[in-house]
Amino acid sequence: VAEVHIANSDFVNAPTTLHTTLTL
């Protein structure tokens, strides 16, 4: 899976907002 994010429900419309990005 290319990208994984944990975020507020508004994130899908505003992907630059504060959120958590997961990487290996």
mmCIF file of all heavy atoms, coordinates in Angstrom:
data_MODEL
# 
_entry.id   MODEL 
# 
loop_
_atom_site.group_PDB 
_atom_site.id 
_atom_site.type_symbol 
_atom_site.label_atom_id 
_atom_site.label_alt_id 
_atom_site.label_comp_id 
_atom_site.label_asym_id 
_atom_site.label_entity_id 
_atom_site.label_seq_id 
_atom_site.pdbx_PDB_ins_code 
_atom_site.Cartn_x 
_atom_site.Cartn_y 
_atom_site.Cartn_z 
_atom_site.occupancy 
_atom_site.B_iso_or_equiv 
_atom_site.pdbx_formal_charge 
_atom_site.auth_seq_id 
_atom_site.auth_comp_id 
_atom_site.auth_asym_id 
_atom_site.auth_atom_id 
_atom_site.pdbx_PDB_model_num 
ATOM 1   N N   . VAL A 1 1  ? 0.867   -1.181 0.000  1.00 0.00 ? 1  VAL A N   1 
ATOM 2   C CA  . VAL A 1 1  ? 0.000   0.000  0.000  1.00 0.00 ? 1  VAL A CA  1 
ATOM 3   C C   . VAL A 1 1  ? 0.902   1.229  0.000  1.00 0.00 ? 1  VAL A C   1 
ATOM 4   O O   . VAL A 1 1  ? 1.838   1.329  0.802  1.00 0.00 ? 1  VAL A O   1 
ATOM 5   C CB  . VAL A 1 1  ? -0.953  -0.005 1.204  1.00 0.00 ? 1  VAL A CB  1 
ATOM 6   C CG1 . VAL A 1 1  ? -1.730  1.306  1.294  1.00 0.00 ? 1  VAL A CG1 1 
ATOM 7   C CG2 . VAL A 1 1  ? -1.918  -1.181 1.099  1.00 0.00 ? 1  VAL A CG2 1 
ATOM 8   N N   . ALA A 1 2  ? 0.642   2.165  -0.911 1.00 0.00 ? 2  ALA A N   1 
ATOM 9   C CA  . ALA A 1 2  ? 1.572   3.272  -1.147 1.00 0.00 ? 2  ALA A CA  1 
ATOM 10  C C   . ALA A 1 2  ? 1.621   4.278  -0.008 1.00 0.00 ? 2  ALA A C   1 
ATOM 11  O O   . ALA A 1 2  ? 2.697   4.748  0.369  1.00 0.00 ? 2  ALA A O   1 
ATOM 12  C CB  . ALA A 1 2  ? 1.200   3.987  -2.449 1.00 0.00 ? 2  ALA A CB  1 
ATOM 13  N N   . GLU A 1 3  ? 0.464   4.642  0.535  1.00 0.00 ? 3  GLU A N   1 
ATOM 14  C CA  . GLU A 1 3  ? 0.387   5.668  1.583  1.00 0.00 ? 3  GLU A CA  1 
ATOM 15  C C   . GLU A 1 3  ? -0.616  5.250  2.645  1.00 0.00 ? 3  GLU A C   1 
ATOM 16  O O   . GLU A 1 3  ? -1.655  4.684  2.327  1.00 0.00 ? 3  GLU A O   1 
ATOM 17  C CB  . GLU A 1 3  ? -0.069  7.014  1.009  1.00 0.00 ? 3  GLU A CB  1 
ATOM 18  C CG  . GLU A 1 3  ? 0.829   7.630  -0.022 1.00 0.00 ? 3  GLU A CG  1 
ATOM 19  C CD  . GLU A 1 3  ? 0.247   8.945  -0.530 1.00 0.00 ? 3  GLU A CD  1 
ATOM 20  O OE1 . GLU A 1 3  ? -0.745  9.437  0.050  1.00 0.00 ? 3  GLU A OE1 1 
ATOM 21  O OE2 . GLU A 1 3  ? 0.781   9.468  -1.517 1.00 0.00 ? 3  GLU A OE2 1 
ATOM 22  N N   . VAL A 1 4  ? -0.306  5.588  3.899  1.00 0.00 ? 4  VAL A N   1 
ATOM 23  C CA  . VAL A 1 4  ? -1.247  5.364  4.993  1.00 0.00 ? 4  VAL A CA  1 
ATOM 24  C C   . VAL A 1 4  ? -1.263  6.599  5.885  1.00 0.00 ? 4  VAL A C   1 
ATOM 25  O O   . VAL A 1 4  ? -0.207  7.092  6.297  1.00 0.00 ? 4  VAL A O   1 
ATOM 26  C CB  . VAL A 1 4  ? -0.879  4.121  5.830  1.00 0.00 ? 4  VAL A CB  1 
ATOM 27  C CG1 . VAL A 1 4  ? -1.880  3.939  6.970  1.00 0.00 ? 4  VAL A CG1 1 
ATOM 28  C CG2 . VAL A 1 4  ? -0.844  2.863  4.961  1.00 0.00 ? 4  VAL A CG2 1 
ATOM 29  N N   . HIS A 1 5  ? -2.453  7.106  6.167  1.00 0.00 ? 5  HIS A N   1 
ATOM 30  C CA  . HIS A 1 5  ? -2.622  8.291  6.993  1.00 0.00 ? 5  HIS A CA  1 
ATOM 31  C C   . HIS A 1 5  ? -3.694  8.051  8.055  1.00 0.00 ? 5  HIS A C   1 
ATOM 32  O O   . HIS A 1 5  ? -4.670  7.337  7.807  1.00 0.00 ? 5  HIS A O   1 
ATOM 33  C CB  . HIS A 1 5  ? -3.049  9.497  6.146  1.00 0.00 ? 5  HIS A CB  1 
ATOM 34  C CG  . HIS A 1 5  ? -2.165  9.771  4.975  1.00 0.00 ? 5  HIS A CG  1 
ATOM 35  N ND1 . HIS A 1 5  ? -1.004  10.503 5.069  1.00 0.00 ? 5  HIS A ND1 1 
ATOM 36  C CD2 . HIS A 1 5  ? -2.264  9.403  3.671  1.00 0.00 ? 5  HIS A CD2 1 
ATOM 37  C CE1 . HIS A 1 5  ? -0.431  10.587 3.884  1.00 0.00 ? 5  HIS A CE1 1 
ATOM 38  N NE2 . HIS A 1 5  ? -1.177  9.925  3.015  1.00 0.00 ? 5  HIS A NE2 1 
ATOM 39  N N   . ILE A 1 6  ? -3.504  8.669  9.219  1.00 0.00 ? 6  ILE A N   1 
ATOM 40  C CA  . ILE A 1 6  ? -4.528  8.713  10.261 1.00 0.00 ? 6  ILE A CA  1 
ATOM 41  C C   . ILE A 1 6  ? -4.855  10.178 10.483 1.00 0.00 ? 6  ILE A C   1 
ATOM 42  O O   . ILE A 1 6  ? -3.956  10.981 10.749 1.00 0.00 ? 6  ILE A O   1 
ATOM 43  C CB  . ILE A 1 6  ? -4.041  8.071  11.572 1.00 0.00 ? 6  ILE A CB  1 
ATOM 44  C CG1 . ILE A 1 6  ? -3.686  6.589  11.345 1.00 0.00 ? 6  ILE A CG1 1 
ATOM 45  C CG2 . ILE A 1 6  ? -5.108  8.195  12.661 1.00 0.00 ? 6  ILE A CG2 1 
ATOM 46  C CD1 . ILE A 1 6  ? -3.099  5.906  12.557 1.00 0.00 ? 6  ILE A CD1 1 
ATOM 47  N N   . ALA A 1 7  ? -6.137  10.531 10.337 1.00 0.00 ? 7  ALA A N   1 
ATOM 48  C CA  . ALA A 1 7  ? -6.462  11.952 10.297 1.00 0.00 ? 7  ALA A CA  1 
ATOM 49  C C   . ALA A 1 7  ? -7.901  12.214 10.718 1.00 0.00 ? 7  ALA A C   1 
ATOM 50  O O   . ALA A 1 7  ? -8.711  11.297 10.865 1.00 0.00 ? 7  ALA A O   1 
ATOM 51  C CB  . ALA A 1 7  ? -6.245  12.486 8.879  1.00 0.00 ? 7  ALA A CB  1 
ATOM 52  N N   . ASN A 1 8  ? -8.191  13.488 10.872 1.00 0.00 ? 8  ASN A N   1 
ATOM 53  C CA  . ASN A 1 8  ? -9.557  13.948 11.078 1.00 0.00 ? 8  ASN A CA  1 
ATOM 54  C C   . ASN A 1 8  ? -10.393 13.640 9.840  1.00 0.00 ? 8  ASN A C   1 
ATOM 55  O O   . ASN A 1 8  ? -9.865  13.537 8.734  1.00 0.00 ? 8  ASN A O   1 
ATOM 56  C CB  . ASN A 1 8  ? -9.524  15.455 11.356 1.00 0.00 ? 8  ASN A CB  1 
ATOM 57  C CG  . ASN A 1 8  ? -10.889 16.033 11.627 1.00 0.00 ? 8  ASN A CG  1 
ATOM 58  O OD1 . ASN A 1 8  ? -11.589 16.438 10.700 1.00 0.00 ? 8  ASN A OD1 1 
ATOM 59  N ND2 . ASN A 1 8  ? -11.276 16.082 12.882 1.00 0.00 ? 8  ASN A ND2 1 
ATOM 60  N N   . SER A 1 9  ? -11.692 13.538 10.008 1.00 0.00 ? 9  SER A N   1 
ATOM 61  C CA  . SER A 1 9  ? -12.565 13.186 8.887  1.00 0.00 ? 9  SER A CA  1 
ATOM 62  C C   . SER A 1 9  ? -12.593 14.252 7.799  1.00 0.00 ? 9  SER A C   1 
ATOM 63  O O   . SER A 1 9  ? -13.051 13.992 6.684  1.00 0.00 ? 9  SER A O   1 
ATOM 64  C CB  . SER A 1 9  ? -13.986 12.925 9.389  1.00 0.00 ? 9  SER A CB  1 
ATOM 65  O OG  . SER A 1 9  ? -14.488 14.051 10.088 1.00 0.00 ? 9  SER A OG  1 
ATOM 66  N N   . ASP A 1 10 ? -12.104 15.459 8.080  1.00 0.00 ? 10 ASP A N   1 
ATOM 67  C CA  . ASP A 1 10 ? -12.030 16.511 7.061  1.00 0.00 ? 10 ASP A CA  1 
ATOM 68  C C   . ASP A 1 10 ? -10.822 16.337 6.139  1.00 0.00 ? 10 ASP A C   1 
ATOM 69  O O   . ASP A 1 10 ? -10.688 17.049 5.144  1.00 0.00 ? 10 ASP A O   1 
ATOM 70  C CB  . ASP A 1 10 ? -11.947 17.898 7.722  1.00 0.00 ? 10 ASP A CB  1 
ATOM 71  C CG  . ASP A 1 10 ? -13.212 18.250 8.490  1.00 0.00 ? 10 ASP A CG  1 
ATOM 72  O OD1 . ASP A 1 10 ? -14.292 17.772 8.089  1.00 0.00 ? 10 ASP A OD1 1 
ATOM 73  O OD2 . ASP A 1 10 ? -13.117 18.996 9.477  1.00 0.00 ? 10 ASP A OD2 1 
ATOM 74  N N   . PHE A 1 11 ? -9.961  15.379 6.456  1.00 0.00 ? 11 PHE A N   1 
ATOM 75  C CA  . PHE A 1 11 ? -8.682  15.241 5.761  1.00 0.00 ? 11 PHE A CA  1 
ATOM 76  C C   . PHE A 1 11 ? -8.834  14.943 4.272  1.00 0.00 ? 11 PHE A C   1 
ATOM 77  O O   . PHE A 1 11 ? -8.029  15.379 3.458  1.00 0.00 ? 11 PHE A O   1 
ATOM 78  C CB  . PHE A 1 11 ? -7.855  14.151 6.439  1.00 0.00 ? 11 PHE A CB  1 
ATOM 79  C CG  . PHE A 1 11 ? -6.513  13.904 5.826  1.00 0.00 ? 11 PHE A CG  1 
ATOM 80  C CD1 . PHE A 1 11 ? -5.545  14.890 5.827  1.00 0.00 ? 11 PHE A CD1 1 
ATOM 81  C CD2 . PHE A 1 11 ? -6.204  12.679 5.251  1.00 0.00 ? 11 PHE A CD2 1 
ATOM 82  C CE1 . PHE A 1 11 ? -4.286  14.661 5.275  1.00 0.00 ? 11 PHE A CE1 1 
ATOM 83  C CE2 . PHE A 1 11 ? -4.954  12.442 4.696  1.00 0.00 ? 11 PHE A CE2 1 
ATOM 84  C CZ  . PHE A 1 11 ? -3.994  13.437 4.714  1.00 0.00 ? 11 PHE A CZ  1 
ATOM 85  N N   . VAL A 1 12 ? -9.873  14.200 3.896  1.00 0.00 ? 12 VAL A N   1 
ATOM 86  C CA  . VAL A 1 12 ? -10.020 13.821 2.485  1.00 0.00 ? 12 VAL A CA  1 
ATOM 87  C C   . VAL A 1 12 ? -10.192 15.047 1.593  1.00 0.00 ? 12 VAL A C   1 
ATOM 88  O O   . VAL A 1 12 ? -9.856  15.020 0.411  1.00 0.00 ? 12 VAL A O   1 
ATOM 89  C CB  . VAL A 1 12 ? -11.188 12.842 2.275  1.00 0.00 ? 12 VAL A CB  1 
ATOM 90  C CG1 . VAL A 1 12 ? -10.901 11.510 2.929  1.00 0.00 ? 12 VAL A CG1 1 
ATOM 91  C CG2 . VAL A 1 12 ? -12.500 13.426 2.774  1.00 0.00 ? 12 VAL A CG2 1 
ATOM 92  N N   . ASN A 1 13 ? -10.718 16.128 2.155  1.00 0.00 ? 13 ASN A N   1 
ATOM 93  C CA  . ASN A 1 13 ? -10.919 17.347 1.384  1.00 0.00 ? 13 ASN A CA  1 
ATOM 94  C C   . ASN A 1 13 ? -9.807  18.368 1.605  1.00 0.00 ? 13 ASN A C   1 
ATOM 95  O O   . ASN A 1 13 ? -9.731  19.375 0.905  1.00 0.00 ? 13 ASN A O   1 
ATOM 96  C CB  . ASN A 1 13 ? -12.271 17.981 1.744  1.00 0.00 ? 13 ASN A CB  1 
ATOM 97  C CG  . ASN A 1 13 ? -12.674 19.088 0.792  1.00 0.00 ? 13 ASN A CG  1 
ATOM 98  O OD1 . ASN A 1 13 ? -12.525 18.955 -0.416 1.00 0.00 ? 13 ASN A OD1 1 
ATOM 99  N ND2 . ASN A 1 13 ? -13.165 20.185 1.335  1.00 0.00 ? 13 ASN A ND2 1 
ATOM 100 N N   . ALA A 1 14 ? -8.957  18.125 2.612  1.00 0.00 ? 14 ALA A N   1 
ATOM 101 C CA  . ALA A 1 14 ? -7.891  19.078 2.936  1.00 0.00 ? 14 ALA A CA  1 
ATOM 102 C C   . ALA A 1 14 ? -6.650  18.310 3.375  1.00 0.00 ? 14 ALA A C   1 
ATOM 103 O O   . ALA A 1 14 ? -6.277  18.316 4.553  1.00 0.00 ? 14 ALA A O   1 
ATOM 104 C CB  . ALA A 1 14 ? -8.357  20.022 4.041  1.00 0.00 ? 14 ALA A CB  1 
ATOM 105 N N   . PRO A 1 15 ? -5.982  17.628 2.431  1.00 0.00 ? 15 PRO A N   1 
ATOM 106 C CA  . PRO A 1 15 ? -4.869  16.728 2.790  1.00 0.00 ? 15 PRO A CA  1 
ATOM 107 C C   . PRO A 1 15 ? -3.632  17.415 3.347  1.00 0.00 ? 15 PRO A C   1 
ATOM 108 O O   . PRO A 1 15 ? -2.725  16.732 3.823  1.00 0.00 ? 15 PRO A O   1 
ATOM 109 C CB  . PRO A 1 15 ? -4.560  16.023 1.461  1.00 0.00 ? 15 PRO A CB  1 
ATOM 110 C CG  . PRO A 1 15 ? -5.100  16.921 0.408  1.00 0.00 ? 15 PRO A CG  1 
ATOM 111 C CD  . PRO A 1 15 ? -6.297  17.591 1.005  1.00 0.00 ? 15 PRO A CD  1 
ATOM 112 N N   . THR A 1 16 ? -3.580  18.745 3.311  1.00 0.00 ? 16 THR A N   1 
ATOM 113 C CA  . THR A 1 16 ? -2.427  19.431 3.884  1.00 0.00 ? 16 THR A CA  1 
ATOM 114 C C   . THR A 1 16 ? -2.618  19.768 5.361  1.00 0.00 ? 16 THR A C   1 
ATOM 115 O O   . THR A 1 16 ? -1.714  20.309 5.992  1.00 0.00 ? 16 THR A O   1 
ATOM 116 C CB  . THR A 1 16 ? -2.137  20.732 3.106  1.00 0.00 ? 16 THR A CB  1 
ATOM 117 O OG1 . THR A 1 16 ? -3.285  21.597 3.175  1.00 0.00 ? 16 THR A OG1 1 
ATOM 118 C CG2 . THR A 1 16 ? -1.806  20.431 1.649  1.00 0.00 ? 16 THR A CG2 1 
ATOM 119 N N   . THR A 1 17 ? -3.787  19.464 5.899  1.00 0.00 ? 17 THR A N   1 
ATOM 120 C CA  . THR A 1 17 ? -4.033  19.767 7.304  1.00 0.00 ? 17 THR A CA  1 
ATOM 121 C C   . THR A 1 17 ? -3.216  18.844 8.201  1.00 0.00 ? 17 THR A C   1 
ATOM 122 O O   . THR A 1 17 ? -2.707  17.813 7.770  1.00 0.00 ? 17 THR A O   1 
ATOM 123 C CB  . THR A 1 17 ? -5.518  19.625 7.653  1.00 0.00 ? 17 THR A CB  1 
ATOM 124 O OG1 . THR A 1 17 ? -5.955  18.302 7.291  1.00 0.00 ? 17 THR A OG1 1 
ATOM 125 C CG2 . THR A 1 17 ? -6.357  20.654 6.918  1.00 0.00 ? 17 THR A CG2 1 
ATOM 126 N N   . LEU A 1 18 ? -3.078  19.229 9.466  1.00 0.00 ? 18 LEU A N   1 
ATOM 127 C CA  . LEU A 1 18 ? -2.318  18.467 10.452 1.00 0.00 ? 18 LEU A CA  1 
ATOM 128 C C   . LEU A 1 18 ? -2.885  17.060 10.564 1.00 0.00 ? 18 LEU A C   1 
ATOM 129 O O   . LEU A 1 18 ? -4.088  16.870 10.748 1.00 0.00 ? 18 LEU A O   1 
ATOM 130 C CB  . LEU A 1 18 ? -2.390  19.188 11.809 1.00 0.00 ? 18 LEU A CB  1 
ATOM 131 C CG  . LEU A 1 18 ? -1.466  18.698 12.913 1.00 0.00 ? 18 LEU A CG  1 
ATOM 132 C CD1 . LEU A 1 18 ? 0.003   18.924 12.533 1.00 0.00 ? 18 LEU A CD1 1 
ATOM 133 C CD2 . LEU A 1 18 ? -1.799  19.446 14.203 1.00 0.00 ? 18 LEU A CD2 1 
ATOM 134 N N   . HIS A 1 19 ? -1.998  16.049 10.455 1.00 0.00 ? 19 HIS A N   1 
ATOM 135 C CA  . HIS A 1 19 ? -2.418  14.669 10.545 1.00 0.00 ? 19 HIS A CA  1 
ATOM 136 C C   . HIS A 1 19 ? -1.196  13.785 10.794 1.00 0.00 ? 19 HIS A C   1 
ATOM 137 O O   . HIS A 1 19 ? -0.076  14.286 10.873 1.00 0.00 ? 19 HIS A O   1 
ATOM 138 C CB  . HIS A 1 19 ? -3.126  14.216 9.247  1.00 0.00 ? 19 HIS A CB  1 
ATOM 139 C CG  . HIS A 1 19 ? -2.222  14.200 8.057  1.00 0.00 ? 19 HIS A CG  1 
ATOM 140 N ND1 . HIS A 1 19 ? -1.911  15.322 7.336  1.00 0.00 ? 19 HIS A ND1 1 
ATOM 141 C CD2 . HIS A 1 19 ? -1.534  13.174 7.463  1.00 0.00 ? 19 HIS A CD2 1 
ATOM 142 C CE1 . HIS A 1 19 ? -1.092  15.006 6.352  1.00 0.00 ? 19 HIS A CE1 1 
ATOM 143 N NE2 . HIS A 1 19 ? -0.832  13.709 6.420  1.00 0.00 ? 19 HIS A NE2 1 
ATOM 144 N N   . THR A 1 20 ? -1.411  12.487 10.913 1.00 0.00 ? 20 THR A N   1 
ATOM 145 C CA  . THR A 1 20 ? -0.320  11.534 11.103 1.00 0.00 ? 20 THR A CA  1 
ATOM 146 C C   . THR A 1 20 ? -0.105  10.715 9.847  1.00 0.00 ? 20 THR A C   1 
ATOM 147 O O   . THR A 1 20 ? -1.046  10.120 9.330  1.00 0.00 ? 20 THR A O   1 
ATOM 148 C CB  . THR A 1 20 ? -0.624  10.590 12.285 1.00 0.00 ? 20 THR A CB  1 
ATOM 149 O OG1 . THR A 1 20 ? -0.807  11.350 13.481 1.00 0.00 ? 20 THR A OG1 1 
ATOM 150 C CG2 . THR A 1 20 ? 0.521   9.601  12.487 1.00 0.00 ? 20 THR A CG2 1 
ATOM 151 N N   . THR A 1 21 ? 1.120   10.687 9.372  1.00 0.00 ? 21 THR A N   1 
ATOM 152 C CA  . THR A 1 21 ? 1.492   9.852  8.234  1.00 0.00 ? 21 THR A CA  1 
ATOM 153 C C   . THR A 1 21 ? 2.348   8.689  8.747  1.00 0.00 ? 21 THR A C   1 
ATOM 154 O O   . THR A 1 21 ? 3.271   8.909  9.546  1.00 0.00 ? 21 THR A O   1 
ATOM 155 C CB  . THR A 1 21 ? 2.275   10.654 7.175  1.00 0.00 ? 21 THR A CB  1 
ATOM 156 O OG1 . THR A 1 21 ? 1.419   11.666 6.637  1.00 0.00 ? 21 THR A OG1 1 
ATOM 157 C CG2 . THR A 1 21 ? 2.748   9.744  6.048  1.00 0.00 ? 21 THR A CG2 1 
ATOM 158 N N   . LEU A 1 22 ? 2.046   7.487  8.286  1.00 0.00 ? 22 LEU A N   1 
ATOM 159 C CA  . LEU A 1 22 ? 2.789   6.295  8.690  1.00 0.00 ? 22 LEU A CA  1 
ATOM 160 C C   . LEU A 1 22 ? 3.769   5.881  7.590  1.00 0.00 ? 22 LEU A C   1 
ATOM 161 O O   . LEU A 1 22 ? 3.418   5.907  6.414  1.00 0.00 ? 22 LEU A O   1 
ATOM 162 C CB  . LEU A 1 22 ? 1.838   5.136  8.955  1.00 0.00 ? 22 LEU A CB  1 
ATOM 163 C CG  . LEU A 1 22 ? 0.973   5.130  10.235 1.00 0.00 ? 22 LEU A CG  1 
ATOM 164 C CD1 . LEU A 1 22 ? 1.825   5.079  11.460 1.00 0.00 ? 22 LEU A CD1 1 
ATOM 165 C CD2 . LEU A 1 22 ? -0.001  6.271  10.259 1.00 0.00 ? 22 LEU A CD2 1 
ATOM 166 N N   . THR A 1 23 ? 4.977   5.516  7.972  1.00 0.00 ? 23 THR A N   1 
ATOM 167 C CA  . THR A 1 23 ? 5.948   4.957  7.039  1.00 0.00 ? 23 THR A CA  1 
ATOM 168 C C   . THR A 1 23 ? 6.675   3.804  7.730  1.00 0.00 ? 23 THR A C   1 
ATOM 169 O O   . THR A 1 23 ? 6.656   3.680  8.954  1.00 0.00 ? 23 THR A O   1 
ATOM 170 C CB  . THR A 1 23 ? 6.992   6.004  6.585  1.00 0.00 ? 23 THR A CB  1 
ATOM 171 O OG1 . THR A 1 23 ? 7.762   6.430  7.722  1.00 0.00 ? 23 THR A OG1 1 
ATOM 172 C CG2 . THR A 1 23 ? 6.343   7.195  5.918  1.00 0.00 ? 23 THR A CG2 1 
ATOM 173 N N   . LEU A 1 24 ? 7.312   2.989  6.931  1.00 0.00 ? 24 LEU A N   1 
ATOM 174 C CA  . LEU A 1 24 ? 8.082   1.880  7.496  1.00 0.00 ? 24 LEU A CA  1 
ATOM 175 C C   . LEU A 1 24 ? 9.396   2.389  8.080  1.00 0.00 ? 24 LEU A C   1 
ATOM 176 O O   . LEU A 1 24 ? 9.949   1.794  8.978  1.00 0.00 ? 24 LEU A O   1 
ATOM 177 C CB  . LEU A 1 24 ? 8.353   0.825  6.418  1.00 0.00 ? 24 LEU A CB  1 
ATOM 178 C CG  . LEU A 1 24 ? 7.120   0.052  5.944  1.00 0.00 ? 24 LEU A CG  1 
ATOM 179 C CD1 . LEU A 1 24 ? 7.508   -0.872 4.810  1.00 0.00 ? 24 LEU A CD1 1 
ATOM 180 C CD2 . LEU A 1 24 ? 6.495   -0.727 7.092  1.00 0.00 ? 24 LEU A CD2 1 
# 
